[in-house]
Amino acid sequence: MLGGTEPAKAIGERMPRITLVPKQVFFTKGVGKHRNRLQSFELALRHAGIEKGNLVRVSSILPPNCKIIPRSRGLELLQAGEITYVVLAEASTDEPSRLVGAGIGLAQPATGEQYGYISEHHGFGITEEKIGDFVEDMAATMLATTLGIEFNPEVAYDERKELYKMSGKIVRTRATVQTAEGDKNGLWTTVIAAAVMLL
């Protein structure tokens, strides 16, 4: 031992495993416009209230027993500079009047012991309602296949949604969507939607 430090672990010895499983999640959205694309993204983050975090994009699993909290409460819990895990949908345009959208969908299982799904999508020329239906459908369908719910994928989502709920295995679906038209003067317009995970 040098300088009172602990001896290094021998090769092959296991280090303690650190698991980062979010305990809470909240949903937010925003839009920003600026002559520079990056700054329009920053303004969208500010509009969503998550600009002060160091965002790390993750994929789309809602952990078991993860509590959904209101946006206002989630924003209160964030600290400046915090590593913040997000499922993020983002889209930008500098074309005047071009419709741009980003959405996050959630499908939550009936039992807290089962994980759920969060989906993300962005696109152009798609209405808020269509993006909302699409991301909600994706999340619910991923969860339904995991839970073994039988369904016809060709049937409209509204019909499948009822089937999912009647199965008693999916308790909640929702969507958070932000759309905007491209700035008439050609400024960059960026929209975001996010599921923000808190440890």
N, C-alpha and C. Protein backbone atom coordinates (compact mmCIF):
# COMPACT_ATOMS: atom_id res chain seq x y z
N MET A 1 0.85 -1.19 0.00
CA MET A 1 0.00 0.00 0.00
C MET A 1 0.88 1.24 0.00
N LEU A 2 0.59 2.13 -0.91
CA LEU A 2 1.29 3.39 -0.97
C LEU A 2 0.38 4.50 -0.51
N GLY A 3 0.89 5.36 0.35
CA GLY A 3 0.12 6.52 0.77
C GLY A 3 -1.20 6.19 1.42
N GLY A 4 -1.34 5.03 2.04
CA GLY A 4 -2.56 4.70 2.76
C GLY A 4 -3.73 4.31 1.87
N THR A 5 -3.48 4.03 0.59
CA THR A 5 -4.58 3.63 -0.29
C THR A 5 -4.81 2.13 -0.18
N GLU A 6 -5.99 1.71 -0.54
CA GLU A 6 -6.32 0.29 -0.51
C GLU A 6 -5.59 -0.40 -1.66
N PRO A 7 -5.21 -1.68 -1.48
CA PRO A 7 -4.55 -2.39 -2.58
C PRO A 7 -5.52 -2.55 -3.75
N ALA A 8 -4.96 -2.57 -4.96
CA ALA A 8 -5.78 -2.75 -6.16
C ALA A 8 -6.39 -4.15 -6.14
N LYS A 9 -7.55 -4.27 -6.75
CA LYS A 9 -8.20 -5.58 -6.84
C LYS A 9 -7.37 -6.49 -7.74
N ALA A 10 -7.27 -7.72 -7.36
CA ALA A 10 -6.55 -8.69 -8.18
C ALA A 10 -7.30 -8.90 -9.49
N ILE A 11 -6.55 -9.21 -10.52
CA ILE A 11 -7.18 -9.46 -11.83
C ILE A 11 -8.18 -10.59 -11.67
N GLY A 12 -9.35 -10.38 -12.21
CA GLY A 12 -10.40 -11.39 -12.14
C GLY A 12 -11.34 -11.22 -10.96
N GLU A 13 -10.95 -10.41 -9.97
CA GLU A 13 -11.86 -10.14 -8.85
C GLU A 13 -12.98 -9.23 -9.32
N ARG A 14 -14.15 -9.48 -8.83
CA ARG A 14 -15.31 -8.68 -9.24
C ARG A 14 -15.39 -7.39 -8.45
N MET A 15 -15.65 -6.33 -9.19
CA MET A 15 -15.94 -5.04 -8.57
C MET A 15 -17.44 -5.02 -8.26
N PRO A 16 -17.85 -4.26 -7.26
CA PRO A 16 -19.29 -4.17 -6.98
C PRO A 16 -20.01 -3.62 -8.21
N ARG A 17 -21.14 -4.19 -8.51
CA ARG A 17 -21.93 -3.77 -9.66
C ARG A 17 -22.84 -2.62 -9.26
N ILE A 18 -22.82 -1.57 -10.05
CA ILE A 18 -23.68 -0.42 -9.79
C ILE A 18 -24.87 -0.51 -10.74
N THR A 19 -26.07 -0.51 -10.19
CA THR A 19 -27.26 -0.52 -11.04
C THR A 19 -27.97 0.82 -10.92
N LEU A 20 -28.37 1.33 -12.05
CA LEU A 20 -29.06 2.61 -12.11
C LEU A 20 -30.47 2.36 -12.62
N VAL A 21 -31.39 2.14 -11.71
CA VAL A 21 -32.78 1.88 -12.08
C VAL A 21 -33.63 3.07 -11.64
N PRO A 22 -34.21 3.79 -12.60
CA PRO A 22 -35.03 4.95 -12.23
C PRO A 22 -36.20 4.57 -11.33
N LYS A 23 -36.47 5.44 -10.37
CA LYS A 23 -37.59 5.25 -9.44
C LYS A 23 -38.78 6.11 -9.82
N GLN A 24 -38.52 7.20 -10.58
CA GLN A 24 -39.58 8.12 -10.98
C GLN A 24 -39.36 8.56 -12.42
N VAL A 25 -40.44 8.94 -13.08
CA VAL A 25 -40.37 9.45 -14.44
C VAL A 25 -41.41 10.55 -14.60
N PHE A 26 -41.07 11.55 -15.41
CA PHE A 26 -42.07 12.56 -15.77
C PHE A 26 -41.93 12.87 -17.25
N PHE A 27 -42.98 13.46 -17.80
CA PHE A 27 -43.04 13.73 -19.23
C PHE A 27 -43.10 15.23 -19.46
N THR A 28 -42.41 15.67 -20.51
CA THR A 28 -42.37 17.09 -20.82
C THR A 28 -42.19 17.27 -22.33
N LYS A 29 -42.38 18.49 -22.78
CA LYS A 29 -42.24 18.80 -24.21
C LYS A 29 -41.88 20.26 -24.37
N GLY A 30 -41.36 20.61 -25.56
CA GLY A 30 -41.00 22.00 -25.79
C GLY A 30 -40.74 22.29 -27.25
N VAL A 31 -40.70 23.58 -27.55
CA VAL A 31 -40.40 24.06 -28.90
C VAL A 31 -39.46 25.25 -28.79
N GLY A 32 -38.53 25.36 -29.73
CA GLY A 32 -37.60 26.49 -29.74
C GLY A 32 -37.33 26.94 -31.16
N LYS A 33 -37.12 28.25 -31.34
CA LYS A 33 -36.81 28.82 -32.66
C LYS A 33 -35.58 29.72 -32.54
N HIS A 34 -34.66 29.56 -33.50
CA HIS A 34 -33.45 30.38 -33.51
C HIS A 34 -32.80 30.25 -34.89
N ARG A 35 -31.92 31.20 -35.22
CA ARG A 35 -31.26 31.13 -36.53
C ARG A 35 -30.27 29.97 -36.60
N ASN A 36 -29.78 29.50 -35.44
CA ASN A 36 -28.89 28.34 -35.39
C ASN A 36 -29.65 27.12 -34.87
N ARG A 37 -29.42 26.00 -35.52
CA ARG A 37 -30.14 24.78 -35.15
C ARG A 37 -29.88 24.39 -33.69
N LEU A 38 -28.61 24.38 -33.28
CA LEU A 38 -28.29 23.97 -31.91
C LEU A 38 -28.98 24.86 -30.89
N GLN A 39 -29.01 26.15 -31.16
CA GLN A 39 -29.64 27.05 -30.20
C GLN A 39 -31.17 26.89 -30.19
N SER A 40 -31.74 26.48 -31.32
CA SER A 40 -33.18 26.20 -31.31
C SER A 40 -33.47 24.97 -30.45
N PHE A 41 -32.54 24.00 -30.47
CA PHE A 41 -32.67 22.82 -29.61
C PHE A 41 -32.57 23.23 -28.14
N GLU A 42 -31.60 24.08 -27.82
CA GLU A 42 -31.45 24.59 -26.44
C GLU A 42 -32.72 25.29 -25.98
N LEU A 43 -33.32 26.10 -26.86
CA LEU A 43 -34.55 26.82 -26.49
C LEU A 43 -35.71 25.85 -26.29
N ALA A 44 -35.74 24.76 -27.07
CA ALA A 44 -36.77 23.74 -26.87
C ALA A 44 -36.58 23.05 -25.52
N LEU A 45 -35.32 22.78 -25.16
CA LEU A 45 -35.03 22.20 -23.84
C LEU A 45 -35.48 23.14 -22.73
N ARG A 46 -35.22 24.44 -22.91
CA ARG A 46 -35.65 25.42 -21.90
C ARG A 46 -37.17 25.45 -21.78
N HIS A 47 -37.84 25.41 -22.92
CA HIS A 47 -39.31 25.41 -22.91
C HIS A 47 -39.83 24.17 -22.16
N ALA A 48 -39.12 23.05 -22.33
CA ALA A 48 -39.49 21.81 -21.64
C ALA A 48 -39.04 21.80 -20.18
N GLY A 49 -38.12 22.71 -19.82
CA GLY A 49 -37.66 22.80 -18.44
C GLY A 49 -36.49 21.90 -18.09
N ILE A 50 -35.85 21.28 -19.10
CA ILE A 50 -34.79 20.30 -18.80
C ILE A 50 -33.43 20.73 -19.33
N GLU A 51 -33.25 22.02 -19.56
CA GLU A 51 -32.00 22.51 -20.15
C GLU A 51 -30.80 22.43 -19.22
N LYS A 52 -31.02 22.35 -17.92
CA LYS A 52 -29.88 22.40 -16.99
C LYS A 52 -29.27 21.03 -16.70
N GLY A 53 -29.86 19.97 -17.26
CA GLY A 53 -29.31 18.63 -17.05
C GLY A 53 -28.36 18.23 -18.16
N ASN A 54 -27.44 17.33 -17.85
CA ASN A 54 -26.60 16.69 -18.86
C ASN A 54 -27.37 15.46 -19.33
N LEU A 55 -28.04 15.60 -20.47
CA LEU A 55 -28.97 14.58 -20.92
C LEU A 55 -28.25 13.39 -21.55
N VAL A 56 -28.67 12.20 -21.14
CA VAL A 56 -28.17 10.96 -21.70
C VAL A 56 -29.38 10.22 -22.26
N ARG A 57 -29.35 9.99 -23.57
CA ARG A 57 -30.49 9.29 -24.20
C ARG A 57 -30.42 7.80 -23.90
N VAL A 58 -31.56 7.26 -23.53
CA VAL A 58 -31.67 5.83 -23.25
C VAL A 58 -32.84 5.27 -24.05
N SER A 59 -32.90 3.95 -24.10
CA SER A 59 -34.01 3.31 -24.81
C SER A 59 -35.22 3.24 -23.90
N SER A 60 -36.12 2.40 -24.24
CA SER A 60 -37.50 2.65 -23.87
C SER A 60 -38.17 1.71 -22.89
N ILE A 61 -37.54 1.41 -21.79
CA ILE A 61 -38.18 0.56 -20.79
C ILE A 61 -38.58 1.40 -19.58
N LEU A 62 -39.85 1.29 -19.19
CA LEU A 62 -40.32 1.87 -17.94
C LEU A 62 -40.05 0.82 -16.86
N PRO A 63 -39.15 1.09 -15.92
CA PRO A 63 -38.79 0.06 -14.94
C PRO A 63 -39.98 -0.36 -14.07
N PRO A 64 -39.94 -1.58 -13.55
CA PRO A 64 -40.99 -2.00 -12.61
C PRO A 64 -41.05 -1.03 -11.43
N ASN A 65 -42.25 -0.77 -10.97
CA ASN A 65 -42.51 0.10 -9.81
C ASN A 65 -42.00 1.53 -9.97
N CYS A 66 -41.76 1.96 -11.20
CA CYS A 66 -41.33 3.34 -11.45
C CYS A 66 -42.57 4.23 -11.40
N LYS A 67 -42.52 5.25 -10.55
CA LYS A 67 -43.68 6.11 -10.33
C LYS A 67 -43.70 7.27 -11.33
N ILE A 68 -44.85 7.49 -11.93
CA ILE A 68 -45.03 8.63 -12.83
C ILE A 68 -45.41 9.83 -11.96
N ILE A 69 -44.62 10.89 -12.06
CA ILE A 69 -44.86 12.08 -11.25
C ILE A 69 -45.20 13.26 -12.15
N PRO A 70 -45.86 14.28 -11.62
CA PRO A 70 -46.19 15.46 -12.42
C PRO A 70 -44.92 16.17 -12.90
N ARG A 71 -45.02 16.81 -14.05
CA ARG A 71 -43.90 17.55 -14.62
C ARG A 71 -43.35 18.56 -13.62
N SER A 72 -44.24 19.29 -12.96
CA SER A 72 -43.80 20.33 -12.02
C SER A 72 -42.94 19.74 -10.91
N ARG A 73 -43.33 18.59 -10.39
CA ARG A 73 -42.56 17.93 -9.32
C ARG A 73 -41.22 17.45 -9.86
N GLY A 74 -41.23 16.86 -11.05
CA GLY A 74 -39.99 16.37 -11.64
C GLY A 74 -38.98 17.48 -11.87
N LEU A 75 -39.45 18.62 -12.37
CA LEU A 75 -38.55 19.75 -12.61
C LEU A 75 -37.95 20.26 -11.31
N GLU A 76 -38.72 20.22 -10.22
CA GLU A 76 -38.20 20.64 -8.91
C GLU A 76 -37.05 19.75 -8.45
N LEU A 77 -37.08 18.48 -8.83
CA LEU A 77 -36.09 17.52 -8.36
C LEU A 77 -34.78 17.57 -9.15
N LEU A 78 -34.79 18.16 -10.34
CA LEU A 78 -33.58 18.22 -11.16
C LEU A 78 -32.57 19.20 -10.58
N GLN A 79 -31.30 18.83 -10.67
CA GLN A 79 -30.22 19.70 -10.22
C GLN A 79 -29.37 20.10 -11.43
N ALA A 80 -28.84 21.31 -11.41
CA ALA A 80 -27.99 21.78 -12.50
C ALA A 80 -26.77 20.87 -12.65
N GLY A 81 -26.52 20.44 -13.87
CA GLY A 81 -25.37 19.60 -14.16
C GLY A 81 -25.58 18.12 -13.92
N GLU A 82 -26.74 17.74 -13.41
CA GLU A 82 -27.04 16.34 -13.11
C GLU A 82 -27.06 15.50 -14.39
N ILE A 83 -26.47 14.30 -14.32
CA ILE A 83 -26.62 13.35 -15.42
C ILE A 83 -28.08 12.92 -15.41
N THR A 84 -28.79 13.22 -16.49
CA THR A 84 -30.24 13.03 -16.54
C THR A 84 -30.58 12.10 -17.70
N TYR A 85 -31.20 10.98 -17.39
CA TYR A 85 -31.54 9.99 -18.41
C TYR A 85 -32.90 10.31 -19.01
N VAL A 86 -32.95 10.32 -20.35
CA VAL A 86 -34.19 10.67 -21.04
C VAL A 86 -34.43 9.74 -22.23
N VAL A 87 -35.70 9.44 -22.47
CA VAL A 87 -36.13 8.92 -23.76
C VAL A 87 -36.58 10.17 -24.49
N LEU A 88 -35.92 10.51 -25.60
CA LEU A 88 -36.12 11.81 -26.24
C LEU A 88 -36.47 11.65 -27.71
N ALA A 89 -37.53 12.34 -28.11
CA ALA A 89 -37.87 12.48 -29.53
C ALA A 89 -37.60 13.93 -29.91
N GLU A 90 -36.98 14.14 -31.06
CA GLU A 90 -36.55 15.48 -31.45
C GLU A 90 -36.64 15.61 -32.97
N ALA A 91 -37.10 16.76 -33.43
CA ALA A 91 -37.11 17.04 -34.87
C ALA A 91 -36.93 18.53 -35.09
N SER A 92 -36.25 18.87 -36.20
CA SER A 92 -35.97 20.27 -36.52
C SER A 92 -36.23 20.54 -38.00
N THR A 93 -36.61 21.78 -38.30
CA THR A 93 -36.75 22.21 -39.69
C THR A 93 -36.40 23.69 -39.80
N ASP A 94 -35.89 24.07 -40.98
CA ASP A 94 -35.71 25.49 -41.27
C ASP A 94 -36.54 25.88 -42.49
N GLU A 95 -37.49 25.00 -42.85
CA GLU A 95 -38.39 25.28 -43.97
C GLU A 95 -39.63 25.99 -43.45
N PRO A 96 -39.93 27.17 -43.98
CA PRO A 96 -41.12 27.91 -43.54
C PRO A 96 -42.39 27.07 -43.67
N SER A 97 -43.20 27.10 -42.64
CA SER A 97 -44.52 26.46 -42.59
C SER A 97 -44.50 24.93 -42.61
N ARG A 98 -43.33 24.31 -42.60
CA ARG A 98 -43.30 22.85 -42.58
C ARG A 98 -43.68 22.38 -41.19
N LEU A 99 -44.64 21.46 -41.12
CA LEU A 99 -45.09 20.92 -39.84
C LEU A 99 -44.09 19.88 -39.34
N VAL A 100 -43.65 20.06 -38.12
CA VAL A 100 -42.67 19.16 -37.52
C VAL A 100 -43.22 18.70 -36.17
N GLY A 101 -42.96 17.44 -35.82
CA GLY A 101 -43.52 16.92 -34.57
C GLY A 101 -42.63 15.88 -33.92
N ALA A 102 -42.76 15.78 -32.60
CA ALA A 102 -42.03 14.78 -31.81
C ALA A 102 -42.97 14.27 -30.72
N GLY A 103 -42.93 12.97 -30.48
CA GLY A 103 -43.84 12.41 -29.47
C GLY A 103 -43.23 11.26 -28.69
N ILE A 104 -43.72 11.11 -27.47
CA ILE A 104 -43.34 10.02 -26.57
C ILE A 104 -44.62 9.30 -26.17
N GLY A 105 -44.62 7.98 -26.27
CA GLY A 105 -45.77 7.17 -25.85
C GLY A 105 -45.41 6.32 -24.65
N LEU A 106 -46.41 5.98 -23.86
CA LEU A 106 -46.21 5.15 -22.67
C LEU A 106 -47.27 4.06 -22.62
N ALA A 107 -46.86 2.86 -22.28
CA ALA A 107 -47.78 1.77 -21.96
C ALA A 107 -47.34 1.20 -20.63
N GLN A 108 -48.24 1.27 -19.66
CA GLN A 108 -47.93 0.87 -18.28
C GLN A 108 -48.70 -0.40 -17.95
N PRO A 109 -48.02 -1.43 -17.43
CA PRO A 109 -48.71 -2.67 -17.09
C PRO A 109 -49.55 -2.53 -15.83
N ALA A 110 -50.51 -3.43 -15.67
CA ALA A 110 -51.40 -3.39 -14.51
C ALA A 110 -50.65 -3.69 -13.22
N THR A 111 -49.66 -4.54 -13.29
CA THR A 111 -48.90 -4.87 -12.09
C THR A 111 -47.60 -4.09 -12.07
N GLY A 112 -47.28 -3.54 -10.91
CA GLY A 112 -46.05 -2.76 -10.77
C GLY A 112 -44.79 -3.59 -10.87
N GLU A 113 -44.92 -4.91 -10.77
CA GLU A 113 -43.75 -5.79 -10.83
C GLU A 113 -43.28 -6.00 -12.27
N GLN A 114 -44.10 -5.65 -13.24
CA GLN A 114 -43.78 -5.84 -14.66
C GLN A 114 -43.27 -4.52 -15.23
N TYR A 115 -42.32 -4.59 -16.14
CA TYR A 115 -41.86 -3.36 -16.78
C TYR A 115 -42.81 -2.94 -17.90
N GLY A 116 -42.78 -1.66 -18.22
CA GLY A 116 -43.60 -1.12 -19.29
C GLY A 116 -42.73 -0.63 -20.43
N TYR A 117 -43.36 0.04 -21.38
CA TYR A 117 -42.64 0.53 -22.56
C TYR A 117 -42.87 2.01 -22.78
N ILE A 118 -41.82 2.68 -23.23
CA ILE A 118 -41.87 4.07 -23.67
C ILE A 118 -41.40 4.07 -25.11
N SER A 119 -42.16 4.71 -25.99
CA SER A 119 -41.77 4.78 -27.40
C SER A 119 -41.54 6.23 -27.79
N GLU A 120 -40.76 6.43 -28.84
CA GLU A 120 -40.52 7.78 -29.32
C GLU A 120 -40.61 7.82 -30.85
N HIS A 121 -41.03 8.96 -31.36
CA HIS A 121 -41.14 9.13 -32.81
C HIS A 121 -41.07 10.62 -33.14
N HIS A 122 -40.49 10.91 -34.28
CA HIS A 122 -40.51 12.28 -34.79
C HIS A 122 -40.83 12.21 -36.28
N GLY A 123 -41.37 13.29 -36.80
CA GLY A 123 -41.72 13.28 -38.21
C GLY A 123 -42.10 14.65 -38.72
N PHE A 124 -42.40 14.68 -39.99
CA PHE A 124 -42.76 15.92 -40.67
C PHE A 124 -44.11 15.75 -41.35
N GLY A 125 -44.91 16.80 -41.32
CA GLY A 125 -46.21 16.77 -41.98
C GLY A 125 -47.23 15.89 -41.28
N ILE A 126 -47.00 15.58 -40.02
CA ILE A 126 -47.91 14.71 -39.25
C ILE A 126 -48.53 15.53 -38.13
N THR A 127 -49.82 15.42 -37.96
CA THR A 127 -50.51 16.20 -36.93
C THR A 127 -50.19 15.68 -35.53
N GLU A 128 -50.47 16.50 -34.55
CA GLU A 128 -50.27 16.12 -33.15
C GLU A 128 -51.06 14.86 -32.80
N GLU A 129 -52.30 14.81 -33.26
CA GLU A 129 -53.15 13.64 -32.96
C GLU A 129 -52.56 12.36 -33.55
N LYS A 130 -52.08 12.43 -34.80
CA LYS A 130 -51.54 11.23 -35.45
C LYS A 130 -50.26 10.77 -34.78
N ILE A 131 -49.40 11.70 -34.41
CA ILE A 131 -48.17 11.31 -33.71
C ILE A 131 -48.54 10.70 -32.36
N GLY A 132 -49.49 11.31 -31.65
CA GLY A 132 -49.92 10.78 -30.35
C GLY A 132 -50.44 9.36 -30.46
N ASP A 133 -51.31 9.13 -31.45
CA ASP A 133 -51.84 7.77 -31.66
C ASP A 133 -50.73 6.79 -31.99
N PHE A 134 -49.79 7.23 -32.84
CA PHE A 134 -48.71 6.36 -33.29
C PHE A 134 -47.80 5.93 -32.13
N VAL A 135 -47.35 6.89 -31.31
CA VAL A 135 -46.43 6.52 -30.21
C VAL A 135 -47.14 5.72 -29.13
N GLU A 136 -48.41 6.04 -28.89
CA GLU A 136 -49.17 5.27 -27.91
C GLU A 136 -49.36 3.84 -28.41
N ASP A 137 -49.67 3.70 -29.70
CA ASP A 137 -49.84 2.39 -30.31
C ASP A 137 -48.55 1.58 -30.23
N MET A 138 -47.42 2.20 -30.57
CA MET A 138 -46.15 1.47 -30.52
C MET A 138 -45.85 0.95 -29.12
N ALA A 139 -46.00 1.82 -28.12
CA ALA A 139 -45.70 1.40 -26.74
C ALA A 139 -46.65 0.29 -26.30
N ALA A 140 -47.94 0.46 -26.58
CA ALA A 140 -48.93 -0.54 -26.16
C ALA A 140 -48.71 -1.87 -26.87
N THR A 141 -48.36 -1.83 -28.14
CA THR A 141 -48.14 -3.06 -28.89
C THR A 141 -46.90 -3.79 -28.38
N MET A 142 -45.83 -3.05 -28.08
CA MET A 142 -44.63 -3.69 -27.53
C MET A 142 -44.94 -4.36 -26.20
N LEU A 143 -45.71 -3.67 -25.35
CA LEU A 143 -46.06 -4.24 -24.06
C LEU A 143 -46.99 -5.45 -24.23
N ALA A 144 -47.96 -5.33 -25.12
CA ALA A 144 -48.90 -6.43 -25.35
C ALA A 144 -48.19 -7.70 -25.79
N THR A 145 -47.20 -7.57 -26.68
CA THR A 145 -46.48 -8.76 -27.14
C THR A 145 -45.65 -9.36 -26.00
N THR A 146 -45.11 -8.52 -25.13
CA THR A 146 -44.35 -9.00 -23.98
C THR A 146 -45.25 -9.76 -23.01
N LEU A 147 -46.49 -9.28 -22.86
CA LEU A 147 -47.42 -9.89 -21.90
C LEU A 147 -48.19 -11.07 -22.49
N GLY A 148 -47.98 -11.35 -23.77
CA GLY A 148 -48.65 -12.48 -24.40
C GLY A 148 -50.10 -12.23 -24.76
N ILE A 149 -50.49 -10.96 -24.91
CA ILE A 149 -51.86 -10.64 -25.31
C ILE A 149 -51.98 -10.90 -26.81
N GLU A 150 -52.94 -11.72 -27.19
CA GLU A 150 -53.13 -12.02 -28.61
C GLU A 150 -53.97 -10.94 -29.26
N PHE A 151 -53.53 -10.50 -30.44
CA PHE A 151 -54.24 -9.45 -31.16
C PHE A 151 -53.88 -9.53 -32.64
N ASN A 152 -54.72 -8.90 -33.44
CA ASN A 152 -54.47 -8.81 -34.88
C ASN A 152 -53.81 -7.46 -35.15
N PRO A 153 -52.55 -7.43 -35.59
CA PRO A 153 -51.86 -6.16 -35.81
C PRO A 153 -52.47 -5.32 -36.92
N GLU A 154 -53.31 -5.94 -37.75
CA GLU A 154 -53.94 -5.21 -38.86
C GLU A 154 -55.17 -4.42 -38.41
N VAL A 155 -55.68 -4.72 -37.23
CA VAL A 155 -56.86 -4.03 -36.71
C VAL A 155 -56.45 -2.64 -36.25
N ALA A 156 -57.33 -1.67 -36.42
CA ALA A 156 -57.05 -0.28 -36.02
C ALA A 156 -56.68 -0.22 -34.54
N TYR A 157 -55.82 0.74 -34.20
CA TYR A 157 -55.33 0.85 -32.83
C TYR A 157 -56.46 1.05 -31.83
N ASP A 158 -57.49 1.82 -32.17
CA ASP A 158 -58.60 2.05 -31.23
C ASP A 158 -59.23 0.73 -30.79
N GLU A 159 -59.37 -0.21 -31.73
CA GLU A 159 -59.94 -1.52 -31.38
C GLU A 159 -58.97 -2.32 -30.52
N ARG A 160 -57.69 -2.31 -30.91
CA ARG A 160 -56.69 -3.03 -30.12
C ARG A 160 -56.55 -2.44 -28.73
N LYS A 161 -56.68 -1.12 -28.62
CA LYS A 161 -56.58 -0.45 -27.32
C LYS A 161 -57.63 -0.99 -26.36
N GLU A 162 -58.85 -1.17 -26.86
CA GLU A 162 -59.92 -1.74 -26.03
C GLU A 162 -59.59 -3.17 -25.62
N LEU A 163 -59.05 -3.94 -26.57
CA LEU A 163 -58.67 -5.32 -26.29
C LEU A 163 -57.59 -5.36 -25.21
N TYR A 164 -56.59 -4.48 -25.33
CA TYR A 164 -55.51 -4.43 -24.34
C TYR A 164 -56.07 -4.14 -22.95
N LYS A 165 -56.98 -3.16 -22.88
CA LYS A 165 -57.54 -2.78 -21.58
C LYS A 165 -58.41 -3.90 -21.01
N MET A 166 -59.19 -4.55 -21.88
CA MET A 166 -60.06 -5.64 -21.42
C MET A 166 -59.25 -6.83 -20.92
N SER A 167 -58.03 -6.98 -21.40
CA SER A 167 -57.20 -8.10 -20.95
C SER A 167 -56.85 -7.96 -19.47
N GLY A 168 -56.95 -6.73 -18.95
CA GLY A 168 -56.60 -6.48 -17.55
C GLY A 168 -55.10 -6.42 -17.30
N LYS A 169 -54.30 -6.52 -18.37
CA LYS A 169 -52.85 -6.53 -18.21
C LYS A 169 -52.19 -5.18 -18.49
N ILE A 170 -52.88 -4.32 -19.23
CA ILE A 170 -52.35 -2.98 -19.51
C ILE A 170 -53.29 -1.98 -18.86
N VAL A 171 -52.77 -1.17 -17.95
CA VAL A 171 -53.62 -0.28 -17.17
C VAL A 171 -53.68 1.13 -17.74
N ARG A 172 -52.59 1.57 -18.37
CA ARG A 172 -52.59 2.96 -18.84
C ARG A 172 -51.73 3.12 -20.08
N THR A 173 -52.24 3.92 -21.02
CA THR A 173 -51.43 4.37 -22.15
C THR A 173 -51.60 5.88 -22.24
N ARG A 174 -50.57 6.54 -22.73
CA ARG A 174 -50.64 7.99 -22.87
C ARG A 174 -49.60 8.44 -23.89
N ALA A 175 -49.75 9.70 -24.33
CA ALA A 175 -48.79 10.28 -25.27
C ALA A 175 -48.50 11.72 -24.87
N THR A 176 -47.26 12.14 -25.08
CA THR A 176 -46.84 13.52 -24.90
C THR A 176 -46.26 13.96 -26.24
N VAL A 177 -46.87 14.97 -26.85
CA VAL A 177 -46.51 15.36 -28.22
C VAL A 177 -46.31 16.86 -28.32
N GLN A 178 -45.30 17.26 -29.09
CA GLN A 178 -45.09 18.68 -29.41
C GLN A 178 -44.99 18.82 -30.92
N THR A 179 -45.81 19.69 -31.49
CA THR A 179 -45.72 20.01 -32.92
C THR A 179 -45.56 21.51 -33.08
N ALA A 180 -45.06 21.90 -34.25
CA ALA A 180 -44.93 23.32 -34.57
C ALA A 180 -44.76 23.46 -36.08
N GLU A 181 -45.10 24.63 -36.59
CA GLU A 181 -44.84 24.94 -37.99
C GLU A 181 -43.50 25.65 -38.09
N GLY A 182 -42.76 25.33 -39.15
CA GLY A 182 -41.49 26.00 -39.37
C GLY A 182 -41.67 27.51 -39.42
N ASP A 183 -40.72 28.23 -38.87
CA ASP A 183 -40.78 29.69 -38.80
C ASP A 183 -40.91 30.29 -40.20
N LYS A 184 -41.79 31.29 -40.33
CA LYS A 184 -42.05 31.88 -41.65
C LYS A 184 -40.83 32.59 -42.23
N ASN A 185 -39.88 32.98 -41.37
CA ASN A 185 -38.66 33.65 -41.84
C ASN A 185 -37.47 32.70 -41.96
N GLY A 186 -37.72 31.41 -41.84
CA GLY A 186 -36.67 30.42 -42.04
C GLY A 186 -35.77 30.15 -40.85
N LEU A 187 -36.17 30.61 -39.65
CA LEU A 187 -35.41 30.24 -38.46
C LEU A 187 -35.54 28.74 -38.23
N TRP A 188 -34.55 28.15 -37.59
CA TRP A 188 -34.67 26.75 -37.22
C TRP A 188 -35.75 26.61 -36.15
N THR A 189 -36.63 25.65 -36.36
CA THR A 189 -37.69 25.32 -35.40
C THR A 189 -37.45 23.89 -34.93
N THR A 190 -37.26 23.72 -33.64
CA THR A 190 -37.01 22.39 -33.07
C THR A 190 -38.09 22.05 -32.06
N VAL A 191 -38.61 20.84 -32.15
CA VAL A 191 -39.59 20.34 -31.18
C VAL A 191 -39.00 19.12 -30.48
N ILE A 192 -39.32 18.99 -29.20
CA ILE A 192 -38.89 17.82 -28.44
C ILE A 192 -40.03 17.31 -27.58
N ALA A 193 -39.99 16.03 -27.29
CA ALA A 193 -40.85 15.40 -26.28
C ALA A 193 -39.95 14.44 -25.53
N ALA A 194 -40.12 14.36 -24.22
CA ALA A 194 -39.19 13.56 -23.42
C ALA A 194 -39.86 12.88 -22.25
N ALA A 195 -39.39 11.67 -21.96
CA ALA A 195 -39.67 10.99 -20.70
C ALA A 195 -38.38 11.13 -19.90
N VAL A 196 -38.44 11.82 -18.77
CA VAL A 196 -37.26 12.12 -17.97
C VAL A 196 -37.24 11.19 -16.77
N MET A 197 -36.16 10.42 -16.65
CA MET A 197 -36.06 9.39 -15.60
C MET A 197 -35.20 9.88 -14.44
N LEU A 198 -35.71 9.69 -13.25
CA LEU A 198 -35.01 10.12 -12.04
C LEU A 198 -34.64 8.92 -11.19
N LEU A 199 -33.39 8.89 -10.72
CA LEU A 199 -32.90 7.76 -9.92
C LEU A 199 -33.33 7.89 -8.47
